Amino acid sequence: MEFWKCMHLLEKHTPLMNPRILLLLLFCINTWTALAQVEGGQPDMTSIDISDIACMVPEKYPEFPGGKEALFQFLSANIHFPDSAKKAHVYGKVYIAFTVETDGSVSHVLIAKGIGHGCDEEAMQAVKLMPKWKPALLKGKPIAVKQSIPIIFNARN
C-alpha cells in the first residue's frame, strides 16, 4: 500500500516530472548512499546474500503448482462474488501483490488496487490460502520475488 500512496503523492505534487523517474532516482540515491557508507569506500560485494533480497527479475520466475491453468482453477474455487458487490453492480479487477518466498510460501499479501464492496478482501483471502509455489531462481538458487496478479470480478463469478 505504501508504494501506491507514494506514487499518488508524487503524481499530485510533481505534475511536471514523471513520478516513476523520481522514485527510481530516490532509490538509486539511497543505494549509492548505502554503498558509500562501507568502510574503506569499497563495498564487499561478496558478502551480499541474494536470498535476503526480493528480486524483480529472476532467471526463472515462480510457478504455481500445476501452472497457470491450476492457478485459475484454484482462484475460481476459492473466490466467491460478495453479495454486496452484486447488489451494487460492482465489477472489475482487483490487483493483489504478494511475495513468493525462497521456500515457495506466499507472504506480504496486500491490495495493490481494489474495487471495494468486499471484493478486495475476498481476493486477498484466496491468495493467502494458496499452496506453496515453485520458487524463482537466480544463479540456480531460490530467491524471493514480488508478484502481482489481477483477479477479475464479473457477472459470471
N, C-alpha and C. Protein backbone atom coordinates (compact mmCIF):
# COMPACT_ATOMS: atom_id res chain seq x y z
N MET A 1 0.82 -1.19 0.00
CA MET A 1 0.00 0.00 0.00
C MET A 1 0.86 1.26 0.00
N GLU A 2 1.98 1.20 0.72
CA GLU A 2 2.82 2.38 0.85
C GLU A 2 3.32 2.84 -0.51
N PHE A 3 3.68 1.88 -1.39
CA PHE A 3 4.17 2.23 -2.72
C PHE A 3 3.14 3.05 -3.47
N TRP A 4 1.87 2.59 -3.45
CA TRP A 4 0.82 3.28 -4.19
C TRP A 4 0.52 4.65 -3.58
N LYS A 5 0.62 4.75 -2.24
CA LYS A 5 0.42 6.05 -1.60
C LYS A 5 1.51 7.02 -2.04
N CYS A 6 2.75 6.52 -2.08
CA CYS A 6 3.88 7.37 -2.53
C CYS A 6 3.66 7.81 -3.97
N MET A 7 3.25 6.87 -4.83
CA MET A 7 3.03 7.22 -6.24
C MET A 7 1.94 8.28 -6.36
N HIS A 8 0.86 8.13 -5.59
CA HIS A 8 -0.23 9.10 -5.66
C HIS A 8 0.26 10.48 -5.22
N LEU A 9 1.01 10.52 -4.12
CA LEU A 9 1.53 11.80 -3.64
C LEU A 9 2.50 12.43 -4.63
N LEU A 10 3.35 11.60 -5.24
CA LEU A 10 4.29 12.13 -6.22
C LEU A 10 3.56 12.69 -7.43
N GLU A 11 2.54 11.98 -7.92
CA GLU A 11 1.79 12.47 -9.06
C GLU A 11 1.09 13.78 -8.73
N LYS A 12 0.61 13.89 -7.49
CA LYS A 12 -0.11 15.08 -7.07
C LYS A 12 0.81 16.29 -6.92
N HIS A 13 2.03 16.06 -6.37
CA HIS A 13 2.91 17.17 -6.04
C HIS A 13 4.01 17.42 -7.06
N THR A 14 4.15 16.58 -8.07
CA THR A 14 5.16 16.79 -9.10
C THR A 14 4.53 16.67 -10.48
N PRO A 15 3.64 17.58 -10.85
CA PRO A 15 2.93 17.43 -12.11
C PRO A 15 3.83 17.55 -13.34
N LEU A 16 4.97 18.23 -13.23
CA LEU A 16 5.83 18.41 -14.39
C LEU A 16 6.89 17.32 -14.51
N MET A 17 7.01 16.47 -13.51
CA MET A 17 8.02 15.41 -13.53
C MET A 17 7.34 14.06 -13.40
N ASN A 18 7.79 13.10 -14.18
CA ASN A 18 7.25 11.75 -14.10
C ASN A 18 7.59 11.16 -12.73
N PRO A 19 6.59 10.80 -11.93
CA PRO A 19 6.85 10.30 -10.57
C PRO A 19 7.64 8.99 -10.55
N ARG A 20 7.51 8.18 -11.60
CA ARG A 20 8.25 6.92 -11.62
C ARG A 20 9.76 7.19 -11.75
N ILE A 21 10.12 8.19 -12.54
CA ILE A 21 11.53 8.55 -12.68
C ILE A 21 12.04 9.11 -11.36
N LEU A 22 11.24 9.93 -10.69
CA LEU A 22 11.65 10.49 -9.41
C LEU A 22 11.83 9.39 -8.37
N LEU A 23 10.93 8.41 -8.35
CA LEU A 23 11.03 7.30 -7.41
C LEU A 23 12.29 6.47 -7.68
N LEU A 24 12.58 6.22 -8.96
CA LEU A 24 13.78 5.48 -9.33
C LEU A 24 15.02 6.25 -8.92
N LEU A 25 15.01 7.56 -9.10
CA LEU A 25 16.14 8.41 -8.71
C LEU A 25 16.36 8.34 -7.20
N LEU A 26 15.28 8.40 -6.42
CA LEU A 26 15.40 8.30 -4.97
C LEU A 26 15.96 6.95 -4.55
N PHE A 27 15.53 5.89 -5.22
CA PHE A 27 16.05 4.56 -4.92
C PHE A 27 17.55 4.48 -5.19
N CYS A 28 17.97 5.02 -6.34
CA CYS A 28 19.39 5.00 -6.70
C CYS A 28 20.23 5.80 -5.71
N ILE A 29 19.72 6.95 -5.30
CA ILE A 29 20.45 7.78 -4.33
C ILE A 29 20.61 7.03 -3.02
N ASN A 30 19.54 6.37 -2.55
CA ASN A 30 19.63 5.59 -1.32
C ASN A 30 20.62 4.45 -1.45
N THR A 31 20.63 3.78 -2.60
CA THR A 31 21.57 2.69 -2.82
C THR A 31 23.00 3.19 -2.83
N TRP A 32 23.25 4.31 -3.53
CA TRP A 32 24.60 4.87 -3.58
C TRP A 32 25.06 5.30 -2.20
N THR A 33 24.15 5.87 -1.43
CA THR A 33 24.48 6.30 -0.07
C THR A 33 24.86 5.11 0.78
N ALA A 34 24.10 4.02 0.67
CA ALA A 34 24.40 2.82 1.45
C ALA A 34 25.75 2.24 1.06
N LEU A 35 26.05 2.22 -0.23
CA LEU A 35 27.33 1.69 -0.68
C LEU A 35 28.49 2.59 -0.26
N ALA A 36 28.27 3.90 -0.23
CA ALA A 36 29.32 4.84 0.13
C ALA A 36 29.66 4.78 1.62
N GLN A 37 28.76 4.22 2.43
CA GLN A 37 28.99 4.18 3.86
C GLN A 37 29.77 2.94 4.30
N VAL A 38 30.25 2.16 3.35
CA VAL A 38 31.03 0.97 3.67
C VAL A 38 32.45 1.40 4.03
N GLU A 39 33.05 0.72 5.02
CA GLU A 39 34.40 1.05 5.47
C GLU A 39 35.39 0.96 4.32
N GLY A 40 36.28 1.93 4.21
CA GLY A 40 37.31 1.91 3.19
C GLY A 40 36.81 2.41 1.84
N GLY A 41 35.54 2.71 1.72
CA GLY A 41 35.00 3.27 0.48
C GLY A 41 34.62 2.23 -0.55
N GLN A 42 35.08 0.97 -0.43
CA GLN A 42 34.77 -0.07 -1.40
C GLN A 42 33.86 -1.12 -0.76
N PRO A 43 32.67 -1.31 -1.28
CA PRO A 43 31.78 -2.32 -0.69
C PRO A 43 32.29 -3.73 -0.98
N ASP A 44 32.07 -4.63 -0.04
CA ASP A 44 32.43 -6.03 -0.22
C ASP A 44 31.22 -6.74 -0.81
N MET A 45 31.17 -6.82 -2.13
CA MET A 45 30.01 -7.37 -2.82
C MET A 45 29.88 -8.88 -2.58
N THR A 46 30.94 -9.54 -2.13
CA THR A 46 30.85 -10.98 -1.89
C THR A 46 30.06 -11.29 -0.64
N SER A 47 29.82 -10.30 0.23
CA SER A 47 29.10 -10.56 1.47
C SER A 47 27.59 -10.41 1.32
N ILE A 48 27.13 -10.02 0.15
CA ILE A 48 25.69 -9.85 -0.07
C ILE A 48 25.06 -11.22 -0.30
N ASP A 49 24.05 -11.55 0.50
CA ASP A 49 23.34 -12.82 0.37
C ASP A 49 22.10 -12.58 -0.48
N ILE A 50 22.08 -13.14 -1.69
CA ILE A 50 20.96 -12.87 -2.58
C ILE A 50 19.65 -13.42 -2.07
N SER A 51 19.67 -14.35 -1.12
CA SER A 51 18.41 -14.90 -0.60
C SER A 51 17.68 -13.89 0.29
N ASP A 52 18.36 -12.81 0.72
CA ASP A 52 17.73 -11.79 1.56
C ASP A 52 17.07 -10.69 0.74
N ILE A 53 17.18 -10.74 -0.57
CA ILE A 53 16.67 -9.67 -1.43
C ILE A 53 15.47 -10.18 -2.22
N ALA A 54 14.38 -9.43 -2.23
CA ALA A 54 13.23 -9.77 -3.06
C ALA A 54 13.53 -9.24 -4.46
N CYS A 55 13.80 -10.13 -5.36
CA CYS A 55 14.27 -9.78 -6.70
C CYS A 55 13.08 -9.53 -7.63
N MET A 56 13.24 -8.60 -8.55
CA MET A 56 12.19 -8.30 -9.52
C MET A 56 12.42 -9.01 -10.86
N VAL A 57 13.69 -9.40 -11.19
CA VAL A 57 13.98 -10.02 -12.47
C VAL A 57 14.82 -11.28 -12.26
N PRO A 58 14.19 -12.37 -11.90
CA PRO A 58 14.94 -13.62 -11.73
C PRO A 58 15.20 -14.29 -13.07
N GLU A 59 16.04 -15.31 -13.07
CA GLU A 59 16.28 -16.08 -14.28
C GLU A 59 15.06 -16.97 -14.58
N LYS A 60 14.47 -17.51 -13.50
CA LYS A 60 13.26 -18.33 -13.65
C LYS A 60 12.23 -17.80 -12.66
N TYR A 61 11.07 -17.46 -13.17
CA TYR A 61 10.01 -16.90 -12.33
C TYR A 61 9.32 -17.98 -11.50
N PRO A 62 8.69 -17.58 -10.39
CA PRO A 62 7.96 -18.56 -9.59
C PRO A 62 6.79 -19.13 -10.38
N GLU A 63 6.42 -20.35 -10.03
CA GLU A 63 5.33 -21.01 -10.75
C GLU A 63 4.37 -21.66 -9.76
N PHE A 64 3.09 -21.41 -9.98
CA PHE A 64 2.06 -22.05 -9.17
C PHE A 64 2.08 -23.54 -9.48
N PRO A 65 1.91 -24.42 -8.46
CA PRO A 65 1.92 -25.86 -8.73
C PRO A 65 0.85 -26.24 -9.75
N GLY A 66 1.28 -26.79 -10.86
CA GLY A 66 0.34 -27.17 -11.92
C GLY A 66 0.22 -26.13 -13.02
N GLY A 67 0.85 -24.98 -12.84
CA GLY A 67 0.86 -23.95 -13.88
C GLY A 67 -0.30 -22.97 -13.80
N LYS A 68 -0.42 -22.18 -14.85
CA LYS A 68 -1.43 -21.11 -14.89
C LYS A 68 -2.85 -21.64 -14.82
N GLU A 69 -3.11 -22.74 -15.52
CA GLU A 69 -4.46 -23.31 -15.52
C GLU A 69 -4.87 -23.73 -14.10
N ALA A 70 -3.93 -24.33 -13.37
CA ALA A 70 -4.21 -24.73 -11.99
C ALA A 70 -4.43 -23.51 -11.10
N LEU A 71 -3.71 -22.43 -11.37
CA LEU A 71 -3.91 -21.18 -10.61
C LEU A 71 -5.31 -20.64 -10.85
N PHE A 72 -5.75 -20.62 -12.11
CA PHE A 72 -7.10 -20.13 -12.42
C PHE A 72 -8.16 -21.00 -11.74
N GLN A 73 -7.97 -22.32 -11.76
CA GLN A 73 -8.92 -23.23 -11.11
C GLN A 73 -8.94 -23.00 -9.59
N PHE A 74 -7.76 -22.81 -9.00
CA PHE A 74 -7.68 -22.57 -7.56
C PHE A 74 -8.42 -21.29 -7.18
N LEU A 75 -8.17 -20.21 -7.93
CA LEU A 75 -8.84 -18.94 -7.63
C LEU A 75 -10.34 -19.04 -7.83
N SER A 76 -10.77 -19.72 -8.90
CA SER A 76 -12.20 -19.88 -9.15
C SER A 76 -12.88 -20.64 -8.02
N ALA A 77 -12.20 -21.64 -7.48
CA ALA A 77 -12.78 -22.45 -6.41
C ALA A 77 -12.79 -21.73 -5.06
N ASN A 78 -11.89 -20.77 -4.89
CA ASN A 78 -11.73 -20.14 -3.58
C ASN A 78 -12.22 -18.70 -3.49
N ILE A 79 -12.75 -18.17 -4.59
CA ILE A 79 -13.27 -16.80 -4.57
C ILE A 79 -14.77 -16.83 -4.84
N HIS A 80 -15.49 -16.16 -3.99
CA HIS A 80 -16.95 -16.06 -4.14
C HIS A 80 -17.30 -14.58 -4.28
N PHE A 81 -18.14 -14.28 -5.25
CA PHE A 81 -18.54 -12.90 -5.50
C PHE A 81 -19.38 -12.41 -4.32
N PRO A 82 -18.94 -11.38 -3.61
CA PRO A 82 -19.70 -10.89 -2.45
C PRO A 82 -21.08 -10.37 -2.84
N ASP A 83 -22.07 -10.66 -2.01
CA ASP A 83 -23.44 -10.21 -2.27
C ASP A 83 -23.53 -8.69 -2.35
N SER A 84 -22.76 -8.00 -1.51
CA SER A 84 -22.81 -6.52 -1.53
C SER A 84 -22.31 -5.98 -2.87
N ALA A 85 -21.34 -6.65 -3.49
CA ALA A 85 -20.84 -6.22 -4.79
C ALA A 85 -21.88 -6.49 -5.88
N LYS A 86 -22.56 -7.63 -5.77
CA LYS A 86 -23.62 -7.95 -6.74
C LYS A 86 -24.73 -6.91 -6.68
N LYS A 87 -25.17 -6.60 -5.45
CA LYS A 87 -26.27 -5.64 -5.28
C LYS A 87 -25.89 -4.25 -5.78
N ALA A 88 -24.63 -3.87 -5.60
CA ALA A 88 -24.17 -2.54 -6.01
C ALA A 88 -23.69 -2.52 -7.47
N HIS A 89 -23.77 -3.69 -8.15
CA HIS A 89 -23.30 -3.83 -9.53
C HIS A 89 -21.84 -3.39 -9.68
N VAL A 90 -21.02 -3.86 -8.74
CA VAL A 90 -19.59 -3.55 -8.77
C VAL A 90 -18.87 -4.69 -9.48
N TYR A 91 -18.17 -4.36 -10.56
CA TYR A 91 -17.41 -5.32 -11.33
C TYR A 91 -16.05 -4.71 -11.65
N GLY A 92 -15.07 -5.56 -11.89
CA GLY A 92 -13.75 -5.06 -12.28
C GLY A 92 -12.64 -5.96 -11.80
N LYS A 93 -11.42 -5.42 -11.79
CA LYS A 93 -10.23 -6.18 -11.42
C LYS A 93 -9.69 -5.70 -10.09
N VAL A 94 -9.32 -6.66 -9.25
CA VAL A 94 -8.62 -6.38 -8.01
C VAL A 94 -7.19 -6.87 -8.24
N TYR A 95 -6.23 -6.00 -8.02
CA TYR A 95 -4.82 -6.37 -8.18
C TYR A 95 -4.25 -6.69 -6.80
N ILE A 96 -3.77 -7.92 -6.64
CA ILE A 96 -3.19 -8.36 -5.38
C ILE A 96 -1.68 -8.52 -5.58
N ALA A 97 -0.91 -7.89 -4.70
CA ALA A 97 0.54 -8.01 -4.72
C ALA A 97 0.96 -8.91 -3.56
N PHE A 98 1.99 -9.70 -3.78
CA PHE A 98 2.49 -10.60 -2.74
C PHE A 98 3.92 -11.00 -3.08
N THR A 99 4.56 -11.65 -2.12
CA THR A 99 5.92 -12.13 -2.34
C THR A 99 5.91 -13.65 -2.29
N VAL A 100 6.56 -14.28 -3.27
CA VAL A 100 6.79 -15.72 -3.23
C VAL A 100 8.18 -15.89 -2.63
N GLU A 101 8.22 -16.45 -1.43
CA GLU A 101 9.47 -16.58 -0.68
C GLU A 101 10.36 -17.70 -1.24
N THR A 102 11.57 -17.82 -0.70
CA THR A 102 12.53 -18.81 -1.19
C THR A 102 12.04 -20.24 -1.00
N ASP A 103 11.15 -20.46 -0.02
CA ASP A 103 10.60 -21.80 0.20
C ASP A 103 9.29 -22.02 -0.57
N GLY A 104 8.86 -21.00 -1.35
CA GLY A 104 7.64 -21.10 -2.15
C GLY A 104 6.39 -20.59 -1.46
N SER A 105 6.50 -20.25 -0.18
CA SER A 105 5.33 -19.75 0.54
C SER A 105 4.98 -18.33 0.09
N VAL A 106 3.72 -17.99 0.27
CA VAL A 106 3.23 -16.67 -0.11
C VAL A 106 3.19 -15.78 1.14
N SER A 107 3.76 -14.56 1.03
CA SER A 107 3.77 -13.64 2.17
C SER A 107 3.53 -12.22 1.68
N HIS A 108 3.44 -11.31 2.61
CA HIS A 108 3.27 -9.87 2.32
C HIS A 108 2.14 -9.62 1.31
N VAL A 109 1.00 -10.24 1.55
CA VAL A 109 -0.15 -10.10 0.65
C VAL A 109 -0.82 -8.77 0.92
N LEU A 110 -1.04 -7.99 -0.15
CA LEU A 110 -1.73 -6.71 0.01
C LEU A 110 -2.51 -6.37 -1.25
N ILE A 111 -3.44 -5.45 -1.08
CA ILE A 111 -4.27 -5.00 -2.20
C ILE A 111 -3.52 -3.86 -2.88
N ALA A 112 -3.10 -4.09 -4.12
CA ALA A 112 -2.41 -3.04 -4.87
C ALA A 112 -3.43 -2.06 -5.46
N LYS A 113 -4.56 -2.61 -5.93
CA LYS A 113 -5.65 -1.76 -6.44
C LYS A 113 -6.94 -2.54 -6.26
N GLY A 114 -7.89 -1.93 -5.59
CA GLY A 114 -9.13 -2.62 -5.29
C GLY A 114 -10.35 -1.97 -5.90
N ILE A 115 -11.49 -2.67 -5.75
CA ILE A 115 -12.77 -2.13 -6.24
C ILE A 115 -13.80 -2.04 -5.12
N GLY A 116 -13.46 -2.53 -3.93
CA GLY A 116 -14.34 -2.38 -2.77
C GLY A 116 -15.48 -3.38 -2.73
N HIS A 117 -16.44 -3.12 -1.84
CA HIS A 117 -17.65 -3.93 -1.65
C HIS A 117 -17.34 -5.39 -1.33
N GLY A 118 -16.23 -5.64 -0.64
CA GLY A 118 -15.88 -6.99 -0.23
C GLY A 118 -15.04 -7.77 -1.23
N CYS A 119 -14.93 -7.27 -2.45
CA CYS A 119 -14.15 -7.97 -3.48
C CYS A 119 -12.66 -8.00 -3.12
N ASP A 120 -12.14 -6.91 -2.60
CA ASP A 120 -10.72 -6.81 -2.25
C ASP A 120 -10.37 -7.87 -1.20
N GLU A 121 -11.17 -7.94 -0.15
CA GLU A 121 -10.92 -8.88 0.93
C GLU A 121 -11.04 -10.33 0.46
N GLU A 122 -12.01 -10.58 -0.41
CA GLU A 122 -12.21 -11.93 -0.95
C GLU A 122 -11.00 -12.37 -1.77
N ALA A 123 -10.50 -11.48 -2.61
CA ALA A 123 -9.32 -11.80 -3.43
C ALA A 123 -8.09 -12.00 -2.56
N MET A 124 -7.92 -11.14 -1.57
CA MET A 124 -6.77 -11.22 -0.68
C MET A 124 -6.79 -12.54 0.11
N GLN A 125 -7.95 -12.94 0.60
CA GLN A 125 -8.08 -14.18 1.35
C GLN A 125 -7.73 -15.38 0.49
N ALA A 126 -8.16 -15.38 -0.77
CA ALA A 126 -7.86 -16.50 -1.68
C ALA A 126 -6.35 -16.62 -1.91
N VAL A 127 -5.67 -15.50 -2.06
CA VAL A 127 -4.21 -15.53 -2.27
C VAL A 127 -3.51 -16.06 -1.02
N LYS A 128 -4.00 -15.67 0.14
CA LYS A 128 -3.40 -16.17 1.39
C LYS A 128 -3.57 -17.68 1.56
N LEU A 129 -4.59 -18.26 0.92
CA LEU A 129 -4.83 -19.70 1.01
C LEU A 129 -4.00 -20.52 0.02
N MET A 130 -3.28 -19.85 -0.87
CA MET A 130 -2.52 -20.56 -1.91
C MET A 130 -1.50 -21.53 -1.32
N PRO A 131 -1.34 -22.67 -1.99
CA PRO A 131 -0.28 -23.60 -1.56
C PRO A 131 1.09 -23.02 -1.94
N LYS A 132 2.13 -23.70 -1.53
CA LYS A 132 3.48 -23.23 -1.87
C LYS A 132 3.71 -23.30 -3.38
N TRP A 133 4.36 -22.26 -3.89
CA TRP A 133 4.73 -22.18 -5.29
C TRP A 133 6.10 -22.81 -5.48
N LYS A 134 6.47 -23.05 -6.74
CA LYS A 134 7.87 -23.37 -7.05
C LYS A 134 8.58 -22.02 -7.05
N PRO A 135 9.59 -21.83 -6.20
CA PRO A 135 10.21 -20.51 -6.07
C PRO A 135 10.98 -20.09 -7.33
N ALA A 136 11.21 -18.78 -7.42
CA ALA A 136 12.01 -18.23 -8.51
C ALA A 136 13.47 -18.61 -8.29
N LEU A 137 14.23 -18.60 -9.37
CA LEU A 137 15.64 -18.95 -9.28
C LEU A 137 16.51 -17.85 -9.86
N LEU A 138 17.64 -17.61 -9.19
CA LEU A 138 18.66 -16.70 -9.69
C LEU A 138 20.00 -17.38 -9.43
N LYS A 139 20.72 -17.63 -10.50
CA LYS A 139 22.00 -18.35 -10.42
C LYS A 139 21.82 -19.71 -9.76
N GLY A 140 20.69 -20.34 -10.05
CA GLY A 140 20.41 -21.67 -9.55
C GLY A 140 19.93 -21.74 -8.12
N LYS A 141 19.82 -20.60 -7.46
CA LYS A 141 19.39 -20.59 -6.06
C LYS A 141 17.99 -19.98 -5.96
N PRO A 142 17.15 -20.52 -5.07
CA PRO A 142 15.81 -19.94 -4.89
C PRO A 142 15.91 -18.54 -4.28
N ILE A 143 15.08 -17.64 -4.79
CA ILE A 143 15.04 -16.27 -4.29
C ILE A 143 13.59 -15.84 -4.08
N ALA A 144 13.40 -14.83 -3.25
CA ALA A 144 12.08 -14.25 -3.03
C ALA A 144 11.79 -13.27 -4.17
N VAL A 145 10.57 -13.31 -4.68
CA VAL A 145 10.18 -12.44 -5.80
C VAL A 145 8.80 -11.85 -5.52
N LYS A 146 8.66 -10.57 -5.83
CA LYS A 146 7.37 -9.90 -5.71
C LYS A 146 6.54 -10.22 -6.94
N GLN A 147 5.27 -10.53 -6.70
CA GLN A 147 4.33 -10.87 -7.76
C GLN A 147 3.10 -9.98 -7.64
N SER A 148 2.39 -9.84 -8.72
CA SER A 148 1.12 -9.13 -8.72
C SER A 148 0.20 -9.83 -9.70
N ILE A 149 -1.03 -10.11 -9.26
CA ILE A 149 -1.98 -10.77 -10.16
C ILE A 149 -3.31 -10.03 -10.14
N PRO A 150 -3.95 -9.96 -11.31
CA PRO A 150 -5.30 -9.38 -11.36
C PRO A 150 -6.33 -10.49 -11.11
N ILE A 151 -7.32 -10.17 -10.31
CA ILE A 151 -8.43 -11.10 -10.08
C ILE A 151 -9.69 -10.37 -10.53
N ILE A 152 -10.35 -10.98 -11.51
CA ILE A 152 -11.49 -10.33 -12.16
C ILE A 152 -12.79 -10.74 -11.50
N PHE A 153 -13.58 -9.74 -11.15
CA PHE A 153 -14.92 -9.96 -10.62
C PHE A 153 -15.89 -9.47 -11.69
N ASN A 154 -16.71 -10.42 -12.21
CA ASN A 154 -17.71 -10.04 -13.21
C ASN A 154 -18.99 -10.82 -12.96
N ALA A 155 -19.96 -10.63 -13.81
CA ALA A 155 -21.28 -11.23 -13.63
C ALA A 155 -21.24 -12.75 -13.62
N ARG A 156 -20.22 -13.34 -14.22
CA ARG A 156 -20.13 -14.81 -14.29
C ARG A 156 -19.62 -15.41 -13.00
N ASN A 157 -18.98 -14.61 -12.09
CA ASN A 157 -18.48 -15.16 -10.82
C ASN A 157 -19.66 -15.69 -10.08
